[in-house]
Structure formats: structure tokens, C-alpha cells
Amino acid sequence: MVTVPLAGSSLASVLHFCANVQDWPYLPNHAYNALDKAIGRRVGAAISQALLNVVPSADASGPTEVVYLDDKITAKDATA
């Protein structure tokens, strides 16, 4: 599993790409295959869900959002 801290414009860019990969109007349909689209759906849904549950931290000095995309992770593991 790879964990990448994202915040601000970086997070917005990733979320925007995930939405665009589903139906990119400027590229031919074959530009993204089914796997690309599935990953885009999954990552976009995970980011969107995580953003609904953000808890602000007054002492945070950097990105505070961590989105876990590993299918094997459990809620118990995510809090460790």
C-alpha cells in the first residue's frame, strides 16, 4: 500500500482527474481502458468519502487527510 499526503490544490487535482477519466471529452474513448476507469472511480469515491468525514486539527502543520485505498485494511487498522 502506498500512502501519499495530499492537500489543497494537489488533492483537488487528483479528484478532478478521477472525475475526468470517467468521461474525458477531449480524448478518444480508447485513451483510458476499463482498469483506468475503475481505478479513477475507486480513488474518486474514496477521496469524496474521506472529505465528508474530515476532522480539523488546530495544530496541523501539513496535510491532514489520509485516504486508505487498500481493500484489506479494516477500520481498526486505519486508526493505528
PDB file of N, CA and C in Angstrom:
ATOM      1  N   MET A   1       0.852  -1.172   0.000  1.00  0.00           N
ATOM      2  CA  MET A   1       0.000   0.000   0.000  1.00  0.00           C
ATOM      3  C   MET A   1       0.893   1.228   0.000  1.00  0.00           C
ATOM      4  N   VAL A   2       0.496   2.224  -0.733  1.00  0.00           N
ATOM      5  CA  VAL A   2       1.227   3.479  -0.793  1.00  0.00           C
ATOM      6  C   VAL A   2       0.360   4.554  -0.167  1.00  0.00           C
ATOM      7  N   THR A   3       0.943   5.351   0.714  1.00  0.00           N
ATOM      8  CA  THR A   3       0.234   6.466   1.335  1.00  0.00           C
ATOM      9  C   THR A   3       0.893   7.753   0.864  1.00  0.00           C
ATOM     10  N   VAL A   4       0.106   8.630   0.262  1.00  0.00           N
ATOM     11  CA  VAL A   4       0.617   9.900  -0.233  1.00  0.00           C
ATOM     12  C   VAL A   4      -0.209  11.017   0.386  1.00  0.00           C
ATOM     13  N   PRO A   5       0.429  11.921   1.142  1.00  0.00           N
ATOM     14  CA  PRO A   5      -0.326  13.034   1.717  1.00  0.00           C
ATOM     15  C   PRO A   5      -0.700  14.042   0.625  1.00  0.00           C
ATOM     16  N   LEU A   6      -1.949  14.395   0.578  1.00  0.00           N
ATOM     17  CA  LEU A   6      -2.427  15.370  -0.395  1.00  0.00           C
ATOM     18  C   LEU A   6      -3.243  16.423   0.328  1.00  0.00           C
ATOM     19  N   ALA A   7      -3.123  17.641  -0.119  1.00  0.00           N
ATOM     20  CA  ALA A   7      -3.931  18.716   0.446  1.00  0.00           C
ATOM     21  C   ALA A   7      -4.084  19.803  -0.608  1.00  0.00           C
ATOM     22  N   GLY A   8      -5.029  20.671  -0.393  1.00  0.00           N
ATOM     23  CA  GLY A   8      -5.210  21.832  -1.248  1.00  0.00           C
ATOM     24  C   GLY A   8      -5.351  21.510  -2.717  1.00  0.00           C
ATOM     25  N   SER A   9      -4.542  22.194  -3.533  1.00  0.00           N
ATOM     26  CA  SER A   9      -4.678  22.058  -4.982  1.00  0.00           C
ATOM     27  C   SER A   9      -4.271  20.674  -5.477  1.00  0.00           C
ATOM     28  N   SER A  10      -3.336  20.009  -4.789  1.00  0.00           N
ATOM     29  CA  SER A  10      -2.951  18.652  -5.202  1.00  0.00           C
ATOM     30  C   SER A  10      -4.122  17.693  -5.051  1.00  0.00           C
ATOM     31  N   LEU A  11      -4.809  17.772  -3.927  1.00  0.00           N
ATOM     32  CA  LEU A  11      -5.966  16.916  -3.687  1.00  0.00           C
ATOM     33  C   LEU A  11      -7.068  17.227  -4.695  1.00  0.00           C
ATOM     34  N   ALA A  12      -7.292  18.503  -4.944  1.00  0.00           N
ATOM     35  CA  ALA A  12      -8.311  18.905  -5.914  1.00  0.00           C
ATOM     36  C   ALA A  12      -7.963  18.398  -7.312  1.00  0.00           C
ATOM     37  N   SER A  13      -6.688  18.431  -7.670  1.00  0.00           N
ATOM     38  CA  SER A  13      -6.265  17.953  -8.989  1.00  0.00           C
ATOM     39  C   SER A  13      -6.496  16.461  -9.156  1.00  0.00           C
ATOM     40  N   VAL A  14      -6.170  15.687  -8.133  1.00  0.00           N
ATOM     41  CA  VAL A  14      -6.377  14.241  -8.201  1.00  0.00           C
ATOM     42  C   VAL A  14      -7.865  13.929  -8.318  1.00  0.00           C
ATOM     43  N   LEU A  15      -8.683  14.592  -7.514  1.00  0.00           N
ATOM     44  CA  LEU A  15     -10.125  14.366  -7.558  1.00  0.00           C
ATOM     45  C   LEU A  15     -10.694  14.766  -8.921  1.00  0.00           C
ATOM     46  N   HIS A  16     -10.212  15.865  -9.472  1.00  0.00           N
ATOM     47  CA  HIS A  16     -10.652  16.321 -10.795  1.00  0.00           C
ATOM     48  C   HIS A  16     -10.275  15.300 -11.873  1.00  0.00           C
ATOM     49  N   PHE A  17      -9.058  14.769 -11.809  1.00  0.00           N
ATOM     50  CA  PHE A  17      -8.629  13.760 -12.770  1.00  0.00           C
ATOM     51  C   PHE A  17      -9.506  12.517 -12.669  1.00  0.00           C
ATOM     52  N   CYS A  18      -9.820  12.096 -11.439  1.00  0.00           N
ATOM     53  CA  CYS A  18     -10.652  10.900 -11.247  1.00  0.00           C
ATOM     54  C   CYS A  18     -12.021  11.074 -11.893  1.00  0.00           C
ATOM     55  N   ALA A  19     -12.559  12.279 -11.826  1.00  0.00           N
ATOM     56  CA  ALA A  19     -13.849  12.546 -12.460  1.00  0.00           C
ATOM     57  C   ALA A  19     -13.701  12.564 -13.981  1.00  0.00           C
ATOM     58  N   ASN A  20     -12.632  13.183 -14.469  1.00  0.00           N
ATOM     59  CA  ASN A  20     -12.441  13.304 -15.918  1.00  0.00           C
ATOM     60  C   ASN A  20     -12.130  11.984 -16.596  1.00  0.00           C
ATOM     61  N   VAL A  21     -11.443  11.087 -15.916  1.00  0.00           N
ATOM     62  CA  VAL A  21     -11.067   9.820 -16.540  1.00  0.00           C
ATOM     63  C   VAL A  21     -12.311   8.993 -16.883  1.00  0.00           C
ATOM     64  N   GLN A  22     -13.415   9.257 -16.210  1.00  0.00           N
ATOM     65  CA  GLN A  22     -14.652   8.519 -16.469  1.00  0.00           C
ATOM     66  C   GLN A  22     -15.243   8.860 -17.832  1.00  0.00           C
ATOM     67  N   ASP A  23     -15.165  10.116 -18.215  1.00  0.00           N
ATOM     68  CA  ASP A  23     -15.766  10.538 -19.485  1.00  0.00           C
ATOM     69  C   ASP A  23     -14.995  11.734 -20.024  1.00  0.00           C
ATOM     70  N   TRP A  24     -13.770  11.494 -20.457  1.00  0.00           N
ATOM     71  CA  TRP A  24     -12.900  12.562 -20.935  1.00  0.00           C
ATOM     72  C   TRP A  24     -13.382  13.021 -22.311  1.00  0.00           C
ATOM     73  N   PRO A  25     -13.878  14.251 -22.441  1.00  0.00           N
ATOM     74  CA  PRO A  25     -14.449  14.700 -23.714  1.00  0.00           C
ATOM     75  C   PRO A  25     -13.413  15.063 -24.780  1.00  0.00           C
ATOM     76  N   TYR A  26     -12.154  15.282 -24.383  1.00  0.00           N
ATOM     77  CA  TYR A  26     -11.162  15.776 -25.338  1.00  0.00           C
ATOM     78  C   TYR A  26     -10.282  14.687 -25.931  1.00  0.00           C
ATOM     79  N   LEU A  27     -10.404  13.475 -25.454  1.00  0.00           N
ATOM     80  CA  LEU A  27      -9.585  12.377 -25.940  1.00  0.00           C
ATOM     81  C   LEU A  27     -10.473  11.270 -26.485  1.00  0.00           C
ATOM     82  N   PRO A  28      -9.950  10.455 -27.384  1.00  0.00           N
ATOM     83  CA  PRO A  28     -10.741   9.325 -27.893  1.00  0.00           C
ATOM     84  C   PRO A  28     -11.128   8.379 -26.758  1.00  0.00           C
ATOM     85  N   ASN A  29     -12.185   7.640 -26.957  1.00  0.00           N
ATOM     86  CA  ASN A  29     -12.674   6.724 -25.922  1.00  0.00           C
ATOM     87  C   ASN A  29     -11.633   5.704 -25.500  1.00  0.00           C
ATOM     88  N   HIS A  30     -10.721   5.346 -26.400  1.00  0.00           N
ATOM     89  CA  HIS A  30      -9.732   4.326 -26.066  1.00  0.00           C
ATOM     90  C   HIS A  30      -8.552   4.882 -25.265  1.00  0.00           C
ATOM     91  N   ALA A  31      -8.552   6.182 -24.943  1.00  0.00           N
ATOM     92  CA  ALA A  31      -7.438   6.772 -24.201  1.00  0.00           C
ATOM     93  C   ALA A  31      -7.316   6.159 -22.805  1.00  0.00           C
ATOM     94  N   TYR A  32      -8.425   5.794 -22.213  1.00  0.00           N
ATOM     95  CA  TYR A  32      -8.412   5.160 -20.892  1.00  0.00           C
ATOM     96  C   TYR A  32      -9.130   3.828 -20.991  1.00  0.00           C
ATOM     97  N   ASN A  33      -8.502   2.776 -20.480  1.00  0.00           N
ATOM     98  CA  ASN A  33      -9.130   1.459 -20.536  1.00  0.00           C
ATOM     99  C   ASN A  33     -10.019   1.239 -19.311  1.00  0.00           C
ATOM    100  N   ALA A  34     -10.624   0.082 -19.229  1.00  0.00           N
ATOM    101  CA  ALA A  34     -11.556  -0.220 -18.138  1.00  0.00           C
ATOM    102  C   ALA A  34     -10.863  -0.177 -16.782  1.00  0.00           C
ATOM    103  N   LEU A  35      -9.604  -0.616 -16.723  1.00  0.00           N
ATOM    104  CA  LEU A  35      -8.873  -0.580 -15.455  1.00  0.00           C
ATOM    105  C   LEU A  35      -8.635   0.852 -15.003  1.00  0.00           C
ATOM    106  N   ASP A  36      -8.223   1.729 -15.926  1.00  0.00           N
ATOM    107  CA  ASP A  36      -8.025   3.140 -15.596  1.00  0.00           C
ATOM    108  C   ASP A  36      -9.308   3.746 -15.031  1.00  0.00           C
ATOM    109  N   LYS A  37     -10.421   3.447 -15.697  1.00  0.00           N
ATOM    110  CA  LYS A  37     -11.702   3.999 -15.255  1.00  0.00           C
ATOM    111  C   LYS A  37     -12.111   3.441 -13.895  1.00  0.00           C
ATOM    112  N   ALA A  38     -11.863   2.153 -13.665  1.00  0.00           N
ATOM    113  CA  ALA A  38     -12.201   1.548 -12.373  1.00  0.00           C
ATOM    114  C   ALA A  38     -11.368   2.161 -11.254  1.00  0.00           C
ATOM    115  N   ILE A  39     -10.087   2.365 -11.518  1.00  0.00           N
ATOM    116  CA  ILE A  39      -9.223   2.991 -10.512  1.00  0.00           C
ATOM    117  C   ILE A  39      -9.684   4.418 -10.251  1.00  0.00           C
ATOM    118  N   GLY A  40     -10.004   5.149 -11.305  1.00  0.00           N
ATOM    119  CA  GLY A  40     -10.495   6.516 -11.146  1.00  0.00           C
ATOM    120  C   GLY A  40     -11.768   6.582 -10.322  1.00  0.00           C
ATOM    121  N   ARG A  41     -12.697   5.639 -10.572  1.00  0.00           N
ATOM    122  CA  ARG A  41     -13.939   5.596  -9.784  1.00  0.00           C
ATOM    123  C   ARG A  41     -13.634   5.334  -8.317  1.00  0.00           C
ATOM    124  N   ARG A  42     -12.772   4.355  -8.066  1.00  0.00           N
ATOM    125  CA  ARG A  42     -12.472   3.945  -6.691  1.00  0.00           C
ATOM    126  C   ARG A  42     -11.741   5.047  -5.924  1.00  0.00           C
ATOM    127  N   VAL A  43     -10.733   5.622  -6.539  1.00  0.00           N
ATOM    128  CA  VAL A  43      -9.970   6.683  -5.881  1.00  0.00           C
ATOM    129  C   VAL A  43     -10.849   7.910  -5.669  1.00  0.00           C
ATOM    130  N   GLY A  44     -11.623   8.273  -6.684  1.00  0.00           N
ATOM    131  CA  GLY A  44     -12.517   9.422  -6.548  1.00  0.00           C
ATOM    132  C   GLY A  44     -13.542   9.227  -5.450  1.00  0.00           C
ATOM    133  N   ALA A  45     -14.109   8.029  -5.371  1.00  0.00           N
ATOM    134  CA  ALA A  45     -15.088   7.739  -4.316  1.00  0.00           C
ATOM    135  C   ALA A  45     -14.432   7.766  -2.941  1.00  0.00           C
ATOM    136  N   ALA A  46     -13.221   7.232  -2.825  1.00  0.00           N
ATOM    137  CA  ALA A  46     -12.526   7.223  -1.533  1.00  0.00           C
ATOM    138  C   ALA A  46     -12.207   8.640  -1.073  1.00  0.00           C
ATOM    139  N   ILE A  47     -11.734   9.479  -1.987  1.00  0.00           N
ATOM    140  CA  ILE A  47     -11.428  10.865  -1.631  1.00  0.00           C
ATOM    141  C   ILE A  47     -12.700  11.600  -1.244  1.00  0.00           C
ATOM    142  N   SER A  48     -13.754  11.440  -2.032  1.00  0.00           N
ATOM    143  CA  SER A  48     -15.021  12.116  -1.732  1.00  0.00           C
ATOM    144  C   SER A  48     -15.562  11.702  -0.372  1.00  0.00           C
ATOM    145  N   GLN A  49     -15.508  10.404  -0.072  1.00  0.00           N
ATOM    146  CA  GLN A  49     -15.993   9.913   1.218  1.00  0.00           C
ATOM    147  C   GLN A  49     -15.129  10.442   2.356  1.00  0.00           C
ATOM    148  N   ALA A  50     -13.829  10.461   2.154  1.00  0.00           N
ATOM    149  CA  ALA A  50     -12.926  10.966   3.196  1.00  0.00           C
ATOM    150  C   ALA A  50     -13.176  12.445   3.463  1.00  0.00           C
ATOM    151  N   LEU A  51     -13.446  13.210   2.414  1.00  0.00           N
ATOM    152  CA  LEU A  51     -13.681  14.640   2.591  1.00  0.00           C
ATOM    153  C   LEU A  51     -14.975  14.922   3.349  1.00  0.00           C
ATOM    154  N   LEU A  52     -15.911  13.981   3.315  1.00  0.00           N
ATOM    155  CA  LEU A  52     -17.147  14.143   4.088  1.00  0.00           C
ATOM    156  C   LEU A  52     -16.902  13.950   5.579  1.00  0.00           C
ATOM    157  N   ASN A  53     -15.789  13.296   5.923  1.00  0.00           N
ATOM    158  CA  ASN A  53     -15.511  12.951   7.319  1.00  0.00           C
ATOM    159  C   ASN A  53     -14.260  13.621   7.864  1.00  0.00           C
ATOM    160  N   VAL A  54     -13.899  14.776   7.334  1.00  0.00           N
ATOM    161  CA  VAL A  54     -12.695  15.476   7.783  1.00  0.00           C
ATOM    162  C   VAL A  54     -12.928  16.064   9.169  1.00  0.00           C
ATOM    163  N   VAL A  55     -11.951  15.849  10.040  1.00  0.00           N
ATOM    164  CA  VAL A  55     -11.967  16.442  11.375  1.00  0.00           C
ATOM    165  C   VAL A  55     -10.794  17.414  11.427  1.00  0.00           C
ATOM    166  N   PRO A  56     -11.056  18.723  11.504  1.00  0.00           N
ATOM    167  CA  PRO A  56      -9.964  19.687  11.504  1.00  0.00           C
ATOM    168  C   PRO A  56      -9.098  19.560  12.756  1.00  0.00           C
ATOM    169  N   SER A  57      -7.830  19.834  12.584  1.00  0.00           N
ATOM    170  CA  SER A  57      -6.888  19.786  13.692  1.00  0.00           C
ATOM    171  C   SER A  57      -6.217  21.146  13.805  1.00  0.00           C
ATOM    172  N   ALA A  58      -6.311  21.760  14.972  1.00  0.00           N
ATOM    173  CA  ALA A  58      -5.773  23.102  15.170  1.00  0.00           C
ATOM    174  C   ALA A  58      -4.252  23.130  15.085  1.00  0.00           C
ATOM    175  N   ASP A  59      -3.600  22.036  15.447  1.00  0.00           N
ATOM    176  CA  ASP A  59      -2.137  22.032  15.462  1.00  0.00           C
ATOM    177  C   ASP A  59      -1.524  21.380  14.229  1.00  0.00           C
ATOM    178  N   ALA A  60      -2.305  21.144  13.202  1.00  0.00           N
ATOM    179  CA  ALA A  60      -1.784  20.505  11.988  1.00  0.00           C
ATOM    180  C   ALA A  60      -0.911  21.489  11.222  1.00  0.00           C
ATOM    181  N   SER A  61       0.272  21.043  10.844  1.00  0.00           N
ATOM    182  CA  SER A  61       1.179  21.915  10.103  1.00  0.00           C
ATOM    183  C   SER A  61       1.286  21.508   8.636  1.00  0.00           C
ATOM    184  N   GLY A  62       0.627  20.441   8.255  1.00  0.00           N
ATOM    185  CA  GLY A  62       0.700  19.968   6.874  1.00  0.00           C
ATOM    186  C   GLY A  62      -0.593  19.296   6.496  1.00  0.00           C
ATOM    187  N   PRO A  63      -0.546  18.462   5.461  1.00  0.00           N
ATOM    188  CA  PRO A  63      -1.758  17.755   5.041  1.00  0.00           C
ATOM    189  C   PRO A  63      -2.327  16.913   6.178  1.00  0.00           C
ATOM    190  N   THR A  64      -3.623  16.994   6.371  1.00  0.00           N
ATOM    191  CA  THR A  64      -4.256  16.250   7.456  1.00  0.00           C
ATOM    192  C   THR A  64      -5.102  15.102   6.940  1.00  0.00           C
ATOM    193  N   GLU A  65      -5.198  14.955   5.640  1.00  0.00           N
ATOM    194  CA  GLU A  65      -6.060  13.939   5.043  1.00  0.00           C
ATOM    195  C   GLU A  65      -5.241  12.726   4.633  1.00  0.00           C
ATOM    196  N   VAL A  66      -5.648  11.561   5.081  1.00  0.00           N
ATOM    197  CA  VAL A  66      -5.040  10.314   4.634  1.00  0.00           C
ATOM    198  C   VAL A  66      -6.166   9.445   4.114  1.00  0.00           C
ATOM    199  N   VAL A  67      -6.074   9.024   2.870  1.00  0.00           N
ATOM    200  CA  VAL A  67      -7.092   8.194   2.248  1.00  0.00           C
ATOM    201  C   VAL A  67      -6.482   6.816   2.028  1.00  0.00           C
ATOM    202  N   TYR A  68      -7.043   5.798   2.675  1.00  0.00           N
ATOM    203  CA  TYR A  68      -6.553   4.434   2.533  1.00  0.00           C
ATOM    204  C   TYR A  68      -7.319   3.745   1.412  1.00  0.00           C
ATOM    205  N   LEU A  69      -6.593   3.173   0.458  1.00  0.00           N
ATOM    206  CA  LEU A  69      -7.224   2.536  -0.688  1.00  0.00           C
ATOM    207  C   LEU A  69      -6.964   1.041  -0.744  1.00  0.00           C
ATOM    208  N   ASP A  70      -6.416   0.482   0.307  1.00  0.00           N
ATOM    209  CA  ASP A  70      -6.111  -0.945   0.346  1.00  0.00           C
ATOM    210  C   ASP A  70      -7.376  -1.703   0.714  1.00  0.00           C
ATOM    211  N   ASP A  71      -7.796  -2.638  -0.124  1.00  0.00           N
ATOM    212  CA  ASP A  71      -9.013  -3.403   0.144  1.00  0.00           C
ATOM    213  C   ASP A  71      -8.906  -4.235   1.415  1.00  0.00           C
ATOM    214  N   LYS A  72      -7.695  -4.548   1.840  1.00  0.00           N
ATOM    215  CA  LYS A  72      -7.510  -5.414   3.000  1.00  0.00           C
ATOM    216  C   LYS A  72      -7.524  -4.656   4.318  1.00  0.00           C
ATOM    217  N   ILE A  73      -7.491  -3.343   4.272  1.00  0.00           N
ATOM    218  CA  ILE A  73      -7.434  -2.565   5.509  1.00  0.00           C
ATOM    219  C   ILE A  73      -8.795  -2.573   6.202  1.00  0.00           C
ATOM    220  N   THR A  74      -8.774  -2.564   7.497  1.00  0.00           N
ATOM    221  CA  THR A  74     -10.015  -2.535   8.268  1.00  0.00           C
ATOM    222  C   THR A  74     -10.092  -1.229   9.029  1.00  0.00           C
ATOM    223  N   ALA A  75     -11.250  -0.923   9.559  1.00  0.00           N
ATOM    224  CA  ALA A  75     -11.414   0.299  10.337  1.00  0.00           C
ATOM    225  C   ALA A  75     -10.465   0.299  11.532  1.00  0.00           C
ATOM    226  N   LYS A  76     -10.259  -0.851  12.141  1.00  0.00           N
ATOM    227  CA  LYS A  76      -9.355  -0.948  13.285  1.00  0.00           C
ATOM    228  C   LYS A  76      -7.922  -0.606  12.864  1.00  0.00           C
ATOM    229  N   ASP A  77      -7.495  -1.098  11.707  1.00  0.00           N
ATOM    230  CA  ASP A  77      -6.149  -0.825  11.213  1.00  0.00           C
ATOM    231  C   ASP A  77      -5.963   0.646  10.854  1.00  0.00           C
ATOM    232  N   ALA A  78      -7.000   1.291  10.363  1.00  0.00           N
ATOM    233  CA  ALA A  78      -6.900   2.673   9.906  1.00  0.00           C
ATOM    234  C   ALA A  78      -6.640   3.638  11.042  1.00  0.00           C
ATOM    235  N   THR A  79      -6.994   3.277  12.252  1.00  0.00           N
ATOM    236  CA  THR A  79      -6.797   4.180  13.380  1.00  0.00           C
ATOM    237  C   THR A  79      -5.446   3.988  14.040  1.00  0.00           C
ATOM    238  N   ALA A  80      -4.696   2.986  13.628  1.00  0.00           N
ATOM    239  CA  ALA A  80      -3.390   2.713  14.249  1.00  0.00           C
ATOM    240  C   ALA A  80      -2.339   3.681  13.783  1.00  0.00           C
TER     241      ALA A  80
END
